[in-house]
Amino acid sequence: MAVRNEELLILNDISGEEITRHALSLEKGKLIKKTNHGRNRSKTIQKYREAMMALFKDEKSATLFIDKVIAGHKRYARDQFLVLEKAI
C-alpha cells in the first residue's frame, strides 16, 4: 500500500503492480468504496442465465423461472443468480 496525492494505492506485494486506488477522506467514519469491487464483472447477465439453465434438469421450466428472475429483479439479477447458484 502507498499513499499518493490524497489516494490510497493498493499494490501487489510481489510485482509492485497497482491493483486499485481509492480516494482518501478527511471525514471521520466516511466509507469510501468502489462499487465494482463487490462483484465479478467478467460474467454478463446472459452468461449467468446460460450457466443457471445448465443447473436445472427441465430446461423449459428453468427458462421460465430464470427469465422471471431477470424480469422481476433487473437491477439485482446477478445477485439473485449468485444466491441461486449457492442454493443449488
N, C-alpha and C. Protein backbone atom coordinates (compact mmCIF):
# COMPACT_ATOMS: atom_id res chain seq x y z
N MET A 1 0.85 -1.18 0.00
CA MET A 1 0.00 0.00 0.00
C MET A 1 0.89 1.24 0.00
N ALA A 2 0.33 2.28 -0.58
CA ALA A 2 1.04 3.55 -0.61
C ALA A 2 0.01 4.67 -0.65
N VAL A 3 0.37 5.82 -0.15
CA VAL A 3 -0.50 6.99 -0.19
C VAL A 3 0.18 8.03 -1.08
N ARG A 4 -0.55 8.45 -2.12
CA ARG A 4 -0.04 9.47 -3.05
C ARG A 4 -1.17 10.39 -3.48
N ASN A 5 -0.93 11.67 -3.40
CA ASN A 5 -1.89 12.67 -3.90
C ASN A 5 -3.31 12.41 -3.41
N GLU A 6 -3.48 12.26 -2.11
CA GLU A 6 -4.79 12.06 -1.48
C GLU A 6 -5.49 10.80 -1.97
N GLU A 7 -4.71 9.78 -2.35
CA GLU A 7 -5.25 8.49 -2.76
C GLU A 7 -4.48 7.37 -2.07
N LEU A 8 -5.19 6.30 -1.76
CA LEU A 8 -4.57 5.09 -1.23
C LEU A 8 -4.40 4.14 -2.40
N LEU A 9 -3.18 3.72 -2.65
CA LEU A 9 -2.89 2.79 -3.72
C LEU A 9 -2.68 1.41 -3.13
N ILE A 10 -3.36 0.41 -3.67
CA ILE A 10 -3.18 -0.97 -3.26
C ILE A 10 -2.30 -1.62 -4.32
N LEU A 11 -1.18 -2.16 -3.88
CA LEU A 11 -0.20 -2.71 -4.81
C LEU A 11 0.00 -4.20 -4.56
N ASN A 12 0.35 -4.92 -5.61
CA ASN A 12 0.69 -6.34 -5.49
C ASN A 12 2.03 -6.41 -4.76
N ASP A 13 2.09 -7.22 -3.67
CA ASP A 13 3.30 -7.31 -2.86
C ASP A 13 4.50 -7.83 -3.65
N ILE A 14 4.25 -8.70 -4.59
CA ILE A 14 5.35 -9.33 -5.33
C ILE A 14 5.81 -8.47 -6.50
N SER A 15 4.86 -8.11 -7.36
CA SER A 15 5.23 -7.40 -8.59
C SER A 15 5.26 -5.88 -8.43
N GLY A 16 4.60 -5.36 -7.40
CA GLY A 16 4.51 -3.91 -7.24
C GLY A 16 3.47 -3.28 -8.13
N GLU A 17 2.77 -4.12 -8.92
CA GLU A 17 1.75 -3.63 -9.84
C GLU A 17 0.56 -3.06 -9.06
N GLU A 18 0.02 -1.97 -9.56
CA GLU A 18 -1.15 -1.36 -8.92
C GLU A 18 -2.38 -2.22 -9.14
N ILE A 19 -3.07 -2.53 -8.05
CA ILE A 19 -4.32 -3.29 -8.12
C ILE A 19 -5.49 -2.34 -8.22
N THR A 20 -5.50 -1.34 -7.35
CA THR A 20 -6.57 -0.34 -7.37
C THR A 20 -6.12 0.89 -6.61
N ARG A 21 -6.95 1.93 -6.68
CA ARG A 21 -6.69 3.13 -5.89
C ARG A 21 -8.01 3.68 -5.38
N HIS A 22 -7.97 4.26 -4.20
CA HIS A 22 -9.16 4.83 -3.56
C HIS A 22 -8.86 6.25 -3.12
N ALA A 23 -9.83 7.11 -3.25
CA ALA A 23 -9.70 8.47 -2.73
C ALA A 23 -9.70 8.40 -1.20
N LEU A 24 -8.91 9.24 -0.56
CA LEU A 24 -8.90 9.31 0.90
C LEU A 24 -9.83 10.43 1.35
N SER A 25 -10.47 10.25 2.48
CA SER A 25 -11.37 11.25 3.02
C SER A 25 -10.85 11.71 4.37
N LEU A 26 -10.98 12.99 4.63
CA LEU A 26 -10.63 13.53 5.94
C LEU A 26 -11.83 13.49 6.89
N GLU A 27 -12.99 13.08 6.38
CA GLU A 27 -14.20 13.00 7.20
C GLU A 27 -14.15 11.73 8.05
N LYS A 28 -14.39 11.88 9.33
CA LYS A 28 -14.34 10.75 10.25
C LYS A 28 -15.50 9.78 9.98
N GLY A 29 -15.17 8.51 9.82
CA GLY A 29 -16.18 7.47 9.68
C GLY A 29 -16.79 7.35 8.29
N LYS A 30 -16.33 8.11 7.34
CA LYS A 30 -16.91 8.05 6.00
C LYS A 30 -16.38 6.83 5.25
N LEU A 31 -17.28 6.03 4.71
CA LEU A 31 -16.91 4.85 3.94
C LEU A 31 -16.75 5.24 2.48
N ILE A 32 -15.60 4.91 1.93
CA ILE A 32 -15.35 5.15 0.51
C ILE A 32 -15.12 3.78 -0.10
N LYS A 33 -15.99 3.39 -1.02
CA LYS A 33 -15.91 2.07 -1.63
C LYS A 33 -16.19 2.17 -3.11
N LYS A 34 -15.42 1.46 -3.88
CA LYS A 34 -15.70 1.35 -5.30
C LYS A 34 -16.71 0.23 -5.47
N THR A 35 -17.80 0.52 -6.15
CA THR A 35 -18.88 -0.46 -6.26
C THR A 35 -18.49 -1.69 -7.06
N ASN A 36 -17.53 -1.56 -7.95
CA ASN A 36 -17.16 -2.71 -8.77
C ASN A 36 -16.29 -3.71 -8.02
N HIS A 37 -15.90 -3.43 -6.79
CA HIS A 37 -15.10 -4.38 -6.03
C HIS A 37 -15.93 -5.52 -5.48
N GLY A 38 -17.20 -5.35 -5.38
CA GLY A 38 -18.06 -6.37 -4.79
C GLY A 38 -18.59 -7.42 -5.73
N ARG A 39 -18.37 -7.27 -6.99
CA ARG A 39 -18.96 -8.17 -7.98
C ARG A 39 -17.94 -8.67 -8.98
N ASN A 40 -18.21 -9.84 -9.49
CA ASN A 40 -17.41 -10.37 -10.57
C ASN A 40 -18.03 -9.85 -11.87
N ARG A 41 -17.38 -8.92 -12.51
CA ARG A 41 -17.93 -8.30 -13.71
C ARG A 41 -17.54 -9.02 -14.98
N SER A 42 -16.85 -10.14 -14.84
CA SER A 42 -16.42 -10.85 -16.04
C SER A 42 -17.57 -11.61 -16.69
N LYS A 43 -18.62 -11.88 -15.92
CA LYS A 43 -19.77 -12.59 -16.48
C LYS A 43 -20.90 -11.60 -16.76
N THR A 44 -21.48 -11.71 -17.91
CA THR A 44 -22.64 -10.88 -18.22
C THR A 44 -23.89 -11.58 -17.71
N ILE A 45 -24.99 -10.87 -17.69
CA ILE A 45 -26.27 -11.46 -17.26
C ILE A 45 -26.62 -12.64 -18.16
N GLN A 46 -26.35 -12.52 -19.46
CA GLN A 46 -26.65 -13.62 -20.38
C GLN A 46 -25.83 -14.86 -20.04
N LYS A 47 -24.57 -14.67 -19.70
CA LYS A 47 -23.73 -15.80 -19.32
C LYS A 47 -24.23 -16.44 -18.03
N TYR A 48 -24.64 -15.62 -17.08
CA TYR A 48 -25.22 -16.15 -15.83
C TYR A 48 -26.48 -16.93 -16.15
N ARG A 49 -27.30 -16.39 -17.04
CA ARG A 49 -28.55 -17.06 -17.41
C ARG A 49 -28.26 -18.45 -17.98
N GLU A 50 -27.32 -18.51 -18.89
CA GLU A 50 -26.96 -19.79 -19.50
C GLU A 50 -26.40 -20.77 -18.47
N ALA A 51 -25.57 -20.27 -17.58
CA ALA A 51 -24.99 -21.13 -16.54
C ALA A 51 -26.06 -21.66 -15.59
N MET A 52 -27.02 -20.81 -15.25
CA MET A 52 -28.09 -21.23 -14.36
C MET A 52 -28.98 -22.28 -15.03
N MET A 53 -29.28 -22.08 -16.30
CA MET A 53 -30.14 -23.03 -17.02
C MET A 53 -29.50 -24.41 -17.07
N ALA A 54 -28.18 -24.45 -17.14
CA ALA A 54 -27.47 -25.73 -17.20
C ALA A 54 -27.57 -26.50 -15.88
N LEU A 55 -27.91 -25.81 -14.79
CA LEU A 55 -28.01 -26.46 -13.49
C LEU A 55 -29.34 -27.18 -13.28
N PHE A 56 -30.32 -26.89 -14.12
CA PHE A 56 -31.65 -27.50 -13.99
C PHE A 56 -31.82 -28.66 -14.96
N LYS A 57 -32.63 -29.64 -14.55
CA LYS A 57 -32.90 -30.80 -15.41
C LYS A 57 -33.94 -30.47 -16.47
N ASP A 58 -34.96 -29.71 -16.10
CA ASP A 58 -36.04 -29.36 -17.02
C ASP A 58 -35.75 -27.98 -17.61
N GLU A 59 -35.27 -27.95 -18.84
CA GLU A 59 -34.84 -26.70 -19.47
C GLU A 59 -35.99 -25.71 -19.64
N LYS A 60 -37.18 -26.22 -19.97
CA LYS A 60 -38.34 -25.34 -20.18
C LYS A 60 -38.71 -24.61 -18.89
N SER A 61 -38.79 -25.36 -17.79
CA SER A 61 -39.11 -24.74 -16.50
C SER A 61 -38.00 -23.80 -16.05
N ALA A 62 -36.76 -24.21 -16.29
CA ALA A 62 -35.62 -23.37 -15.91
C ALA A 62 -35.66 -22.04 -16.66
N THR A 63 -35.94 -22.10 -17.95
CA THR A 63 -36.01 -20.89 -18.76
C THR A 63 -37.09 -19.95 -18.24
N LEU A 64 -38.25 -20.48 -17.94
CA LEU A 64 -39.35 -19.68 -17.42
C LEU A 64 -38.97 -19.04 -16.09
N PHE A 65 -38.42 -19.84 -15.18
CA PHE A 65 -38.04 -19.35 -13.85
C PHE A 65 -36.96 -18.27 -13.95
N ILE A 66 -35.91 -18.54 -14.69
CA ILE A 66 -34.78 -17.62 -14.78
C ILE A 66 -35.18 -16.32 -15.47
N ASP A 67 -36.00 -16.41 -16.49
CA ASP A 67 -36.48 -15.19 -17.16
C ASP A 67 -37.34 -14.35 -16.23
N LYS A 68 -38.11 -15.00 -15.34
CA LYS A 68 -38.90 -14.26 -14.36
C LYS A 68 -38.00 -13.57 -13.34
N VAL A 69 -36.92 -14.23 -12.95
CA VAL A 69 -35.96 -13.62 -12.03
C VAL A 69 -35.38 -12.36 -12.67
N ILE A 70 -34.99 -12.46 -13.93
CA ILE A 70 -34.42 -11.30 -14.63
C ILE A 70 -35.45 -10.19 -14.75
N ALA A 71 -36.67 -10.53 -15.15
CA ALA A 71 -37.71 -9.51 -15.33
C ALA A 71 -38.09 -8.84 -14.00
N GLY A 72 -38.13 -9.63 -12.93
CA GLY A 72 -38.55 -9.08 -11.64
C GLY A 72 -37.45 -8.37 -10.88
N HIS A 73 -36.22 -8.66 -11.22
CA HIS A 73 -35.09 -8.10 -10.48
C HIS A 73 -33.98 -7.65 -11.43
N LYS A 74 -34.31 -6.85 -12.41
CA LYS A 74 -33.32 -6.47 -13.43
C LYS A 74 -32.05 -5.91 -12.82
N ARG A 75 -32.21 -5.02 -11.88
CA ARG A 75 -31.04 -4.39 -11.27
C ARG A 75 -30.23 -5.38 -10.44
N TYR A 76 -30.91 -6.37 -9.84
CA TYR A 76 -30.24 -7.30 -8.94
C TYR A 76 -30.19 -8.73 -9.47
N ALA A 77 -30.38 -8.90 -10.76
CA ALA A 77 -30.42 -10.25 -11.36
C ALA A 77 -29.13 -11.01 -11.09
N ARG A 78 -28.00 -10.35 -11.22
CA ARG A 78 -26.71 -11.00 -10.99
C ARG A 78 -26.62 -11.52 -9.55
N ASP A 79 -27.05 -10.69 -8.60
CA ASP A 79 -27.04 -11.10 -7.20
C ASP A 79 -28.00 -12.27 -6.96
N GLN A 80 -29.16 -12.23 -7.61
CA GLN A 80 -30.12 -13.32 -7.48
C GLN A 80 -29.52 -14.63 -8.03
N PHE A 81 -28.81 -14.54 -9.14
CA PHE A 81 -28.17 -15.72 -9.72
C PHE A 81 -27.10 -16.30 -8.78
N LEU A 82 -26.35 -15.43 -8.13
CA LEU A 82 -25.33 -15.91 -7.21
C LEU A 82 -25.94 -16.65 -6.03
N VAL A 83 -27.05 -16.13 -5.50
CA VAL A 83 -27.75 -16.80 -4.41
C VAL A 83 -28.32 -18.13 -4.89
N LEU A 84 -28.91 -18.13 -6.06
CA LEU A 84 -29.48 -19.36 -6.63
C LEU A 84 -28.40 -20.41 -6.85
N GLU A 85 -27.27 -19.97 -7.36
CA GLU A 85 -26.15 -20.89 -7.62
C GLU A 85 -25.67 -21.54 -6.32
N LYS A 86 -25.57 -20.77 -5.25
CA LYS A 86 -25.16 -21.31 -3.96
C LYS A 86 -26.20 -22.28 -3.42
N ALA A 87 -27.47 -21.95 -3.62
CA ALA A 87 -28.55 -22.83 -3.13
C ALA A 87 -28.58 -24.17 -3.85
N ILE A 88 -28.29 -24.15 -5.13
CA ILE A 88 -28.31 -25.39 -5.91
C ILE A 88 -27.10 -26.22 -5.56
